[in-house]
Protein backbone atom coordinates (compact mmCIF):
# COMPACT_ATOMS: atom_id res chain seq x y z
CA MET A 1 19.47 19.95 26.46
CA LEU A 2 16.08 20.03 24.80
CA PHE A 3 15.41 20.92 21.17
CA ASN A 4 12.45 22.99 22.39
CA SER A 5 14.43 25.19 24.77
CA TYR A 6 15.81 28.71 24.49
CA PRO A 7 19.45 27.73 25.24
CA PHE A 8 19.39 25.23 22.38
CA ILE A 9 17.65 27.40 19.78
CA ILE A 10 19.28 30.75 20.59
CA PHE A 11 22.80 29.70 21.58
CA PHE A 12 23.80 26.07 21.03
CA LEU A 13 22.47 25.46 17.50
CA PRO A 14 23.73 28.70 15.86
CA ILE A 15 27.18 28.31 17.42
CA ALA A 16 27.43 24.63 16.48
CA LEU A 17 26.46 25.37 12.87
CA PHE A 18 28.69 28.41 12.48
CA VAL A 19 31.85 26.83 13.87
CA PHE A 20 31.34 23.54 12.01
CA PHE A 21 30.99 25.17 8.60
CA ARG A 22 33.68 27.76 9.29
CA ILE A 23 36.20 25.03 10.12
CA GLY A 24 34.96 22.98 7.17
CA ALA A 25 35.45 25.93 4.81
CA TRP A 26 39.12 26.06 5.84
CA GLY A 27 39.49 22.44 4.75
CA HIS A 28 40.06 21.00 8.22
CA HIS A 29 37.54 18.18 8.01
CA ARG A 30 38.90 16.14 10.91
CA ILE A 31 38.78 19.20 13.13
CA ALA A 32 35.23 19.94 11.98
CA ILE A 33 34.15 16.41 12.91
CA SER A 34 35.97 16.74 16.24
CA TRP A 35 34.08 19.96 16.90
CA LEU A 36 30.74 18.32 16.13
CA VAL A 37 31.57 15.38 18.42
CA ALA A 38 32.55 17.79 21.19
CA ALA A 39 29.37 19.82 20.67
CA SER A 40 27.30 16.62 20.79
CA LEU A 41 28.97 15.56 24.04
CA PHE A 42 28.28 19.00 25.50
CA PHE A 43 24.66 18.67 24.38
CA TYR A 44 24.40 15.29 26.14
CA GLY A 45 26.26 16.44 29.24
CA TRP A 46 23.95 19.43 29.70
CA TRP A 47 21.41 17.03 31.25
CA ASN A 48 23.82 15.37 33.69
CA PRO A 49 27.60 15.63 33.18
CA ALA A 50 28.12 12.60 35.41
CA TYR A 51 26.83 10.28 32.66
CA LEU A 52 29.17 11.59 29.99
CA GLY A 53 31.62 8.94 31.13
CA LEU A 54 29.07 6.23 30.41
CA LEU A 55 28.50 7.44 26.86
CA ILE A 56 32.22 7.86 26.16
CA GLY A 57 32.99 4.50 27.74
CA SER A 58 30.31 2.84 25.60
CA VAL A 59 31.81 4.35 22.44
CA LEU A 60 35.34 3.26 23.34
CA PHE A 61 34.25 -0.24 24.35
CA ASN A 62 32.28 -0.91 21.19
CA TYR A 63 34.90 0.62 18.92
CA SER A 64 37.53 -1.56 20.58
CA VAL A 65 35.43 -4.69 20.12
CA GLY A 66 34.55 -3.85 16.54
CA VAL A 67 37.96 -2.68 15.36
CA GLY A 68 40.73 -3.02 17.96
CA LEU A 69 39.88 -6.69 18.55
CA ALA A 70 39.53 -7.28 14.80
CA LEU A 71 35.99 -8.62 15.14
CA GLY A 72 35.40 -8.50 11.42
CA THR A 73 38.79 -9.88 10.25
CA SER A 74 39.51 -12.81 12.53
CA GLU A 75 39.74 -16.12 10.65
CA SER A 76 38.55 -18.10 13.63
CA THR A 77 34.76 -18.43 13.66
CA PHE A 78 34.84 -19.27 17.35
CA GLY A 79 36.96 -16.20 18.01
CA LYS A 80 34.58 -13.98 16.12
CA LYS A 81 31.55 -15.40 17.89
CA GLY A 82 33.25 -15.06 21.23
CA LEU A 83 34.14 -11.42 20.61
CA LEU A 84 30.63 -10.69 19.39
CA ALA A 85 29.22 -12.32 22.52
CA VAL A 86 31.52 -10.18 24.69
CA GLY A 87 30.43 -7.02 22.87
CA ILE A 88 26.71 -7.75 23.07
CA ALA A 89 26.98 -8.92 26.68
CA GLY A 90 28.80 -5.73 27.65
CA ASN A 91 26.10 -3.57 26.09
CA LEU A 92 23.25 -5.58 27.59
CA ALA A 93 24.94 -5.54 31.00
CA ALA A 94 25.08 -1.75 30.96
CA ILE A 95 21.48 -1.27 29.89
CA GLY A 96 20.38 -4.09 32.18
CA TYR A 97 21.92 -2.48 35.25
CA PHE A 98 20.86 1.10 34.64
CA LYS A 99 17.41 0.42 33.22
CA TYR A 100 16.21 -2.87 34.70
CA ALA A 101 18.06 -3.57 37.96
CA ASN A 102 15.52 -1.78 40.17
CA PHE A 103 12.63 -3.38 38.27
CA PHE A 104 14.14 -6.84 38.72
CA VAL A 105 14.74 -6.39 42.46
CA ASN A 106 11.24 -4.99 43.05
CA THR A 107 9.65 -7.83 41.07
CA LEU A 108 11.71 -10.37 43.02
CA ASN A 109 10.66 -8.87 46.34
CA GLN A 110 6.98 -8.84 45.36
CA GLY A 111 6.99 -12.34 43.91
CA PHE A 112 8.95 -14.12 46.66
CA ASP A 113 8.26 -11.87 49.65
CA THR A 114 11.93 -10.99 49.99
CA GLU A 115 13.46 -7.72 51.17
CA TYR A 116 16.42 -7.15 48.90
CA TYR A 117 17.34 -3.49 48.60
CA LEU A 118 18.95 -1.63 45.74
CA ALA A 119 19.30 2.13 45.83
CA PRO A 120 17.29 3.89 43.09
CA ILE A 121 19.30 4.13 39.88
CA ILE A 122 18.85 7.17 37.67
CA LEU A 123 18.28 6.11 34.07
CA PRO A 124 20.97 7.67 31.86
CA LEU A 125 19.54 9.66 29.00
CA ALA A 126 19.41 7.86 25.63
CA ILE A 127 21.03 4.64 26.86
CA SER A 128 18.45 2.52 25.01
CA PHE A 129 19.19 4.29 21.74
CA PHE A 130 22.99 4.44 21.68
CA THR A 131 23.22 0.87 23.07
CA PHE A 132 20.99 -0.66 20.37
CA GLN A 133 22.71 1.39 17.70
CA GLN A 134 26.10 -0.01 18.66
CA ILE A 135 24.83 -3.58 19.03
CA ALA A 136 23.66 -3.34 15.42
CA TYR A 137 27.10 -2.04 14.46
CA LEU A 138 28.86 -5.00 16.12
CA VAL A 139 26.56 -7.54 14.49
CA ASP A 140 27.09 -5.95 11.07
CA VAL A 141 30.87 -5.96 11.55
CA TYR A 142 30.66 -9.64 12.49
CA ARG A 143 28.67 -10.32 9.33
CA GLY A 144 31.27 -8.50 7.25
CA GLU A 145 28.84 -5.78 6.20
CA THR A 146 31.10 -2.88 7.15
CA ARG A 147 34.78 -2.12 6.79
CA GLU A 148 34.73 1.55 7.73
CA HIS A 149 36.69 2.06 10.94
CA ASN A 150 37.56 5.76 11.15
CA PHE A 151 37.46 6.54 14.88
CA LEU A 152 36.28 10.15 14.61
CA GLN A 153 33.53 9.22 12.17
CA TYR A 154 32.46 6.37 14.44
CA CYS A 155 32.26 8.77 17.39
CA LEU A 156 30.09 11.11 15.38
CA PHE A 157 27.96 8.20 14.18
CA VAL A 158 27.09 7.38 17.80
CA THR A 159 26.96 10.86 19.37
CA PHE A 160 25.55 13.07 16.57
CA PHE A 161 23.20 15.17 18.69
CA PRO A 162 20.14 15.35 16.37
CA GLN A 163 19.62 11.58 16.73
CA LEU A 164 21.43 10.87 20.02
CA ILE A 165 18.65 11.27 22.59
CA ALA A 166 15.55 9.63 21.09
CA GLY A 167 16.54 8.32 17.69
CA PRO A 168 16.23 7.50 14.95
CA ILE A 169 18.35 4.38 15.55
CA VAL A 170 20.72 4.78 12.62
CA HIS A 171 22.84 2.20 10.78
CA HIS A 172 26.54 2.80 10.17
CA LYS A 173 25.98 2.28 6.42
CA GLU A 174 23.52 5.17 6.44
CA MET A 175 25.82 7.61 8.20
CA LEU A 176 29.55 6.92 7.86
CA HIS A 177 29.73 7.50 4.12
CA GLN A 178 28.01 10.87 4.58
CA PHE A 179 30.70 12.03 7.01
CA ALA A 180 33.36 11.14 4.43
CA ARG A 181 31.94 13.44 1.70
CA ASP A 182 33.80 16.70 1.08
CA SER A 183 30.50 18.43 0.24
CA LEU A 184 29.28 17.89 3.81
CA TYR A 185 31.61 20.59 5.12
CA LYS A 186 30.37 23.31 2.77
CA PHE A 187 27.38 25.36 3.87
CA LYS A 188 24.45 25.08 1.46
CA HIS A 189 21.50 27.43 1.61
CA GLU A 190 19.17 24.74 0.27
CA ASN A 191 20.03 22.30 3.07
CA PHE A 192 19.61 25.00 5.68
CA SER A 193 16.25 26.14 4.24
CA ILE A 194 14.92 22.57 4.12
CA GLY A 195 16.27 21.81 7.57
CA ILE A 196 14.91 24.90 9.31
CA THR A 197 11.49 24.36 7.72
CA ILE A 198 11.26 20.75 8.94
CA PHE A 199 12.58 21.77 12.36
CA CYS A 200 9.98 24.54 12.76
CA ILE A 201 7.13 22.24 11.71
CA GLY A 202 8.27 19.75 14.33
CA LEU A 203 8.66 22.47 16.97
CA PHE A 204 5.10 23.63 16.26
CA LYS A 205 3.76 20.10 16.68
CA LYS A 206 5.51 19.76 20.04
CA VAL A 207 4.88 23.19 21.57
CA MET A 208 1.47 24.10 20.18
CA ILE A 209 -0.23 20.70 19.88
CA ALA A 210 1.36 17.97 22.01
CA ASP A 211 1.97 20.15 25.06
CA THR A 212 -1.50 21.65 24.80
CA VAL A 213 -3.29 18.30 24.52
CA ALA A 214 -1.29 16.97 27.50
CA GLN A 215 -3.43 19.05 29.88
CA PHE A 216 -6.45 16.91 28.96
CA SER A 217 -4.83 13.52 29.63
CA THR A 218 -2.44 14.02 32.53
CA PRO A 219 -5.02 14.90 35.26
CA VAL A 220 -7.10 11.80 34.54
CA PHE A 221 -4.17 9.36 34.54
CA ASN A 222 -2.80 11.00 37.71
CA ALA A 223 -6.18 10.63 39.39
CA ALA A 224 -6.39 6.98 38.32
CA ALA A 225 -2.96 6.37 39.87
CA GLN A 226 -4.27 7.85 43.13
CA GLY A 227 -7.25 5.49 43.22
CA ALA A 228 -10.04 7.67 41.79
CA ALA A 229 -12.90 6.05 39.88
CA ILE A 230 -12.86 7.13 36.24
CA THR A 231 -16.10 7.67 34.38
CA PHE A 232 -16.88 6.96 30.73
CA PHE A 233 -16.20 10.39 29.24
CA GLU A 234 -13.16 10.94 31.45
CA GLY A 235 -11.65 7.62 30.41
CA TRP A 236 -12.18 8.10 26.69
CA GLY A 237 -11.21 11.76 26.85
CA ALA A 238 -7.91 10.93 28.55
CA ALA A 239 -7.19 7.97 26.26
CA LEU A 240 -7.77 10.00 23.10
CA ALA A 241 -5.90 13.01 24.46
CA TYR A 242 -2.83 10.89 25.22
CA THR A 243 -3.15 9.22 21.82
CA PHE A 244 -2.80 12.61 20.15
CA GLN A 245 -0.24 13.91 22.65
CA LEU A 246 2.14 11.02 21.99
CA TYR A 247 1.54 11.20 18.24
CA PHE A 248 2.40 14.86 17.86
CA ASP A 249 5.16 14.72 20.48
CA PHE A 250 7.00 11.90 18.70
CA SER A 251 6.16 13.24 15.26
CA GLY A 252 7.47 16.65 16.32
CA TYR A 253 10.69 15.19 17.71
CA SER A 254 11.24 13.07 14.59
CA ASP A 255 10.78 16.12 12.35
CA MET A 256 13.13 18.22 14.47
CA ALA A 257 15.81 15.51 14.38
CA ILE A 258 15.61 15.21 10.58
CA GLY A 259 15.58 19.00 10.22
CA LEU A 260 18.63 19.45 12.43
CA GLY A 261 20.53 16.78 10.55
CA ARG A 262 19.68 18.40 7.23
CA MET A 263 20.99 21.78 8.44
CA PHE A 264 24.39 20.08 8.77
CA GLY A 265 23.97 18.41 5.38
CA VAL A 266 23.23 14.99 6.92
CA ARG A 267 20.16 13.00 5.91
CA LEU A 268 18.72 10.84 8.68
CA PRO A 269 16.35 7.90 8.18
CA LEU A 270 12.62 8.45 8.48
CA ASN A 271 11.29 7.31 11.84
CA PHE A 272 7.62 8.34 11.74
CA ASN A 273 5.26 8.10 8.78
CA SER A 274 1.62 8.90 9.66
CA PRO A 275 1.02 5.70 11.70
CA TYR A 276 -2.63 6.53 12.40
CA LYS A 277 -3.27 6.15 8.67
CA ALA A 278 -2.41 2.47 9.03
CA THR A 279 -5.11 0.02 7.99
CA ASN A 280 -3.77 -2.82 10.16
CA ILE A 281 -1.26 -3.39 12.96
CA ILE A 282 1.42 -4.68 10.60
CA ASP A 283 1.15 -1.42 8.69
CA PHE A 284 1.16 0.51 11.97
CA TRP A 285 4.55 -0.90 12.96
CA ARG A 286 5.91 -0.07 9.54
CA ARG A 287 5.05 3.56 10.25
CA TRP A 288 5.57 4.00 14.02
CA HIS A 289 9.15 4.20 15.34
CA MET A 290 10.30 2.75 12.06
CA THR A 291 13.98 2.37 12.96
CA LEU A 292 13.13 0.48 16.16
CA SER A 293 10.86 -1.81 14.15
CA ARG A 294 13.71 -2.32 11.68
CA PHE A 295 16.12 -3.16 14.51
CA MET A 296 13.71 -5.67 16.06
CA LEU A 297 13.11 -7.26 12.65
CA ASP A 298 16.78 -7.56 11.62
CA TYR A 299 18.40 -8.36 14.95
CA LEU A 300 15.69 -10.18 16.89
CA TYR A 301 12.77 -11.51 14.85
CA ILE A 302 14.81 -12.92 11.93
CA PRO A 303 17.55 -14.45 14.16
CA LEU A 304 14.76 -16.16 16.12
CA GLY A 305 13.66 -17.80 12.87
CA GLY A 306 11.21 -15.25 11.53
CA ASN A 307 8.54 -16.89 9.42
CA GLN A 308 10.78 -19.65 8.09
CA LYS A 309 9.79 -22.39 10.55
CA GLY A 310 6.04 -22.58 10.21
CA PRO A 311 3.09 -20.45 11.35
CA ALA A 312 3.20 -21.52 15.01
CA ARG A 313 6.87 -20.62 15.34
CA GLN A 314 6.29 -17.37 13.45
CA TYR A 315 3.56 -16.28 15.85
CA MET A 316 5.74 -17.19 18.83
CA ASN A 317 8.64 -15.19 17.36
CA LEU A 318 6.34 -12.22 16.83
CA PHE A 319 5.09 -12.40 20.40
CA ILE A 320 8.61 -12.65 21.87
CA THR A 321 9.82 -9.77 19.71
CA MET A 322 6.98 -7.51 20.79
CA LEU A 323 7.36 -8.46 24.48
CA LEU A 324 11.01 -7.44 24.33
CA GLY A 325 10.07 -4.35 22.34
CA GLY A 326 7.66 -3.40 25.11
CA LEU A 327 10.36 -3.99 27.73
CA TRP A 328 12.73 -1.80 25.69
CA HIS A 329 10.33 1.09 26.20
CA GLY A 330 10.44 0.89 29.98
CA ALA A 331 11.17 -1.23 33.04
CA GLY A 332 7.64 -1.98 34.15
CA TRP A 333 4.89 -4.53 33.73
CA THR A 334 2.74 -1.97 31.96
CA PHE A 335 5.27 -1.87 29.10
CA VAL A 336 5.63 -5.65 29.02
CA ILE A 337 1.85 -6.09 28.77
CA TRP A 338 1.65 -3.35 26.15
CA GLY A 339 4.24 -5.21 24.07
CA GLY A 340 2.37 -8.47 24.59
CA LEU A 341 -0.88 -6.81 23.53
CA HIS A 342 0.69 -5.66 20.29
CA GLY A 343 2.13 -9.15 19.86
CA ALA A 344 -1.42 -10.49 20.11
CA TYR A 345 -2.60 -7.86 17.63
CA LEU A 346 0.08 -8.98 15.15
CA PHE A 347 -0.89 -12.62 15.69
CA LEU A 348 -4.52 -11.81 14.85
CA ASN A 349 -3.47 -9.71 11.86
CA HIS A 350 -1.35 -12.49 10.36
CA ALA A 351 -4.00 -15.10 11.16
CA TRP A 352 -6.65 -12.99 9.39
CA ARG A 353 -4.44 -12.67 6.33
CA ALA A 354 -3.84 -16.43 6.30
CA ALA A 355 -7.59 -17.07 6.60
CA GLN A 356 -8.30 -14.71 3.70
CA THR A 357 -5.76 -16.54 1.53
CA PHE A 358 -7.02 -19.98 2.54
CA LEU A 359 -10.70 -19.14 1.99
CA GLY A 360 -10.12 -17.01 -1.08
CA TRP A 361 -11.71 -13.93 0.44
CA GLN A 362 -10.95 -10.56 -1.08
CA PHE A 363 -11.99 -7.42 0.73
CA LYS A 364 -11.36 -4.24 -1.20
CA GLY A 365 -12.85 -0.82 -1.61
CA ARG A 366 -12.88 2.44 0.22
CA ALA A 367 -15.41 1.36 2.85
CA TYR A 368 -13.30 -1.63 3.88
CA ARG A 369 -10.16 0.51 4.02
CA TYR A 370 -11.81 3.13 6.22
CA ALA A 371 -13.30 0.48 8.50
CA SER A 372 -9.87 -1.16 8.81
CA ARG A 373 -8.25 2.17 9.65
CA LEU A 374 -10.86 2.91 12.30
CA LEU A 375 -10.51 -0.54 13.89
CA THR A 376 -6.71 -0.24 13.91
CA PHE A 377 -6.90 3.22 15.44
CA PHE A 378 -9.09 2.14 18.36
CA ALA A 379 -6.95 -0.96 18.94
CA VAL A 380 -3.94 1.34 19.24
CA VAL A 381 -5.85 3.74 21.54
CA ALA A 382 -6.77 0.85 23.85
CA ALA A 383 -3.14 -0.24 24.04
CA TRP A 384 -1.88 3.31 24.74
CA VAL A 385 -3.85 3.33 28.02
CA ILE A 386 -1.67 0.70 29.66
CA PHE A 387 1.40 2.24 28.03
CA ARG A 388 0.65 5.58 29.69
CA ALA A 389 -0.68 4.40 33.06
CA ASP A 390 1.64 4.58 36.07
CA ASN A 391 0.82 1.00 37.07
CA LEU A 392 -1.57 -1.84 36.35
CA ASP A 393 -4.15 -0.66 38.90
CA ALA A 394 -4.29 2.79 37.30
CA ALA A 395 -4.69 1.24 33.85
CA SER A 396 -7.53 -0.97 35.05
CA ARG A 397 -9.37 2.07 36.47
CA VAL A 398 -9.14 3.89 33.14
CA TYR A 399 -10.32 0.77 31.29
CA GLU A 400 -13.24 0.44 33.72
CA GLY A 401 -14.24 4.00 32.94
CA MET A 402 -13.97 3.47 29.18
CA LEU A 403 -16.24 0.42 29.50
CA GLY A 404 -18.83 2.46 31.37
CA GLN A 405 -18.54 0.59 34.66
CA ASN A 406 -18.52 3.85 36.62
CA GLY A 407 -21.40 5.47 34.81
CA PHE A 408 -21.84 8.10 32.13
CA PRO A 409 -22.08 11.42 34.01
CA ILE A 410 -21.55 14.63 32.11
CA ASN A 411 -21.11 18.16 33.37
CA LYS A 412 -24.32 20.16 33.80
CA GLU A 413 -22.82 23.03 31.83
CA TRP A 414 -22.17 20.74 28.87
CA MET A 415 -25.66 19.26 28.97
CA ALA A 416 -27.28 22.68 29.16
CA LYS A 417 -25.47 23.82 26.02
CA MET A 418 -26.45 20.77 24.00
CA HIS A 419 -30.07 21.92 23.56
CA ARG A 420 -31.92 19.14 21.69
CA LEU A 421 -29.08 16.64 22.13
CA GLY A 422 -29.25 16.90 25.93
CA PRO A 423 -32.67 15.20 26.38
CA LEU A 424 -31.66 12.51 23.89
CA LEU A 425 -28.52 11.73 25.88
CA ALA A 426 -30.59 11.63 29.07
CA ASP A 427 -32.85 9.02 27.48
CA TRP A 428 -29.74 6.92 26.75
CA GLY A 429 -28.72 6.94 30.40
CA VAL A 430 -26.32 9.88 30.42
CA GLU A 431 -26.64 11.71 33.73
CA THR A 432 -25.52 15.14 34.85
CA GLY A 433 -23.22 15.36 37.81
CA ILE A 434 -19.85 16.44 39.08
CA LEU A 435 -17.00 14.60 37.42
CA VAL A 436 -14.07 13.45 39.51
CA ILE A 437 -11.73 14.97 36.97
CA HIS A 438 -13.05 17.79 34.87
CA ILE A 439 -12.36 17.13 31.20
CA LYS A 440 -12.27 20.58 29.68
CA ARG A 441 -14.84 21.23 27.01
CA ALA A 442 -12.03 22.66 24.89
CA PHE A 443 -10.87 19.10 24.22
CA LEU A 444 -13.98 18.60 22.07
CA TYR A 445 -12.70 21.37 19.84
CA TRP A 446 -9.32 19.63 19.56
CA ALA A 447 -10.20 15.95 19.24
CA ILE A 448 -11.97 15.80 15.87
CA PRO A 449 -9.63 18.25 14.05
CA LEU A 450 -6.59 16.36 15.33
CA LEU A 451 -8.02 13.04 14.21
CA LEU A 452 -8.78 14.46 10.77
CA ALA A 453 -5.27 15.94 10.63
CA CYS A 454 -3.78 12.52 11.36
CA TRP A 455 -5.94 10.83 8.75
CA ILE A 456 -6.17 13.39 5.95
CA LEU A 457 -3.37 15.95 6.01
CA PRO A 458 -0.02 15.17 4.37
CA ASN A 459 2.85 14.63 6.78
CA THR A 460 6.02 16.69 6.86
CA GLN A 461 7.92 14.36 4.56
CA GLN A 462 5.16 14.48 1.97
CA ILE A 463 5.13 18.27 2.13
CA MET A 464 8.91 18.25 1.53
CA ARG A 465 8.83 15.33 -0.92
CA ARG A 466 10.54 17.20 -3.78
CA PHE A 467 13.71 17.59 -1.74
CA GLU A 468 14.28 14.01 -0.49
CA PRO A 469 13.88 14.89 3.18
CA ALA A 470 14.89 11.52 4.67
CA ILE A 471 16.95 8.51 3.63
CA ASN A 472 14.20 5.90 3.52
CA PHE A 473 11.27 8.10 2.50
CA ILE A 474 9.13 6.33 -0.10
CA ASP A 475 7.03 8.66 -2.20
CA ASP A 476 3.75 6.74 -2.37
CA PRO A 477 1.75 8.01 -5.38
CA LYS A 478 -1.48 6.87 -3.65
CA GLU A 479 -0.93 9.41 -0.86
CA THR A 480 -0.98 12.64 -2.82
CA SER A 481 0.05 15.83 -1.10
CA PHE A 482 -2.00 18.93 -1.75
CA ILE A 483 0.55 20.99 0.20
CA GLU A 484 4.12 21.13 -1.11
CA TRP A 485 7.01 23.22 0.13
CA THR A 486 8.91 25.43 -2.24
CA PRO A 487 11.63 27.94 -1.32
CA ASN A 488 9.66 31.16 -1.76
CA ARG A 489 8.58 34.17 0.30
CA ARG A 490 5.20 32.74 1.33
CA TRP A 491 6.75 29.64 2.84
CA SER A 492 9.48 31.74 4.44
CA LEU A 493 6.82 33.90 6.06
CA ALA A 494 4.86 30.83 7.22
CA VAL A 495 7.96 29.27 8.79
CA LEU A 496 8.85 32.58 10.45
CA ILE A 497 5.36 32.86 11.95
CA MET A 498 5.52 29.28 13.25
CA ALA A 499 8.91 29.96 14.83
CA ILE A 500 7.75 33.18 16.52
CA VAL A 501 4.55 31.58 17.83
CA CYS A 502 6.54 28.67 19.27
CA LEU A 503 9.20 30.89 20.84
CA PHE A 504 6.56 32.93 22.63
CA ASN A 505 4.79 29.80 23.89
CA MET A 506 7.82 27.92 25.19
CA THR A 507 6.98 28.93 28.75
CA GLY A 508 8.51 25.94 30.49
CA LEU A 509 10.74 22.93 29.91
CA SER A 510 8.69 20.12 28.40
CA GLU A 511 10.60 16.92 27.72
CA PHE A 512 9.76 14.73 24.76
CA LEU A 513 7.90 11.62 25.85
CA TYR A 514 10.43 9.29 24.24
CA PHE A 515 13.15 10.77 26.45
CA GLN A 516 11.71 8.48 29.15
CA PHE A 517 12.50 5.33 27.19
């Protein structure tokens, strides 16, 4: 079931809220949690009931390893390590089969000219998210960092529908104590008002921005996959359009997840914090998919040695972490190369910082900050091309277009309307002609405002800053917000208008992009 669908908004959400708080008001907290677990399983099963067994089996397996097998209380270190290995291996085996088996067989056949056959495997929804979440739980139990083993609360920790499908990847220590509070089961108008506001802002981003911008990127990438030559303006138009599509799609989902959680009185961790405002790649990964970055840092990069074994080992650890992070996003060489590219970016970023320290250079000021932000943005745009492309050949065609290898033609209609600019562009080598894929002129009206919105406007959490919208939101005094939400009639009217506009424009089912990962 999609957050941006009529069945969810009109039927599922109101019923889930009403029954949960009604049962909670009667004092039956265990029944209220059971209801929310059942509702979350129904939400998951709406997509494909056949995979409900996988989710339930994963919950039972990990709970058994973590609690039933006394992973955190065994006195034998070998026994604890063995149980942890069994738990992690079981999780990796499940995700390995469903997500990577076909990729492995196809790669084997291409590399060694073999003809092994494996029937196509449908990727279960959210398997990457609930698997990583439970691996983190097992590791933390092994480390002795959790002693909370209430089965119903654990089930809700894994299946809670606002964060089940595409994150955030939550920690047990962030969630379990919230489920134990008596105040959680009492309906609060403030929580509902904050939650519905954040949800509607996210819905607007998804329906009115991300889905609209998608029409400018999808035709070009589809044409590249079919072998068409991509020209300069087509390549850059598609790359920028996808850059904004993914931004507002993931930002919208992250807002909607936090808003839904807040309606139930649950605060989820922040997962998206204006990443295009980043002034370097390190900063970018502190802002983009923040809970995935946290997982990779705590459970991959640091166990590999982090930065404790010298610069060479640190850079290797960074590269391995990002390669695996790319592979987490999808079973394909495009994702592996995308992860490797970001690993190289991080290597250069750390090397630049080390050089500055060694040489005593200090670069400060607004001009340097803006230049750094611009450079980071275009580095990210370049990487998104291979992330979005269907295969390596399609990515190379888009890159060829962006580098001008297929010319700089522009539509005659555009050139005619440019008046004085038209002859100047002609002098620079821009020719009129028929483009293979027609980039709509409307994209020009979207691109600059969207870029300015990403760079200048406050994000949702900053707008809601007075009400502690997310667990790990840090109120940075340097990033002032000139728009702040307050519970009054004007904001109520604005949220109502956003909701009505979105409801009338939800003409078809449009999945969130991170549902694919």
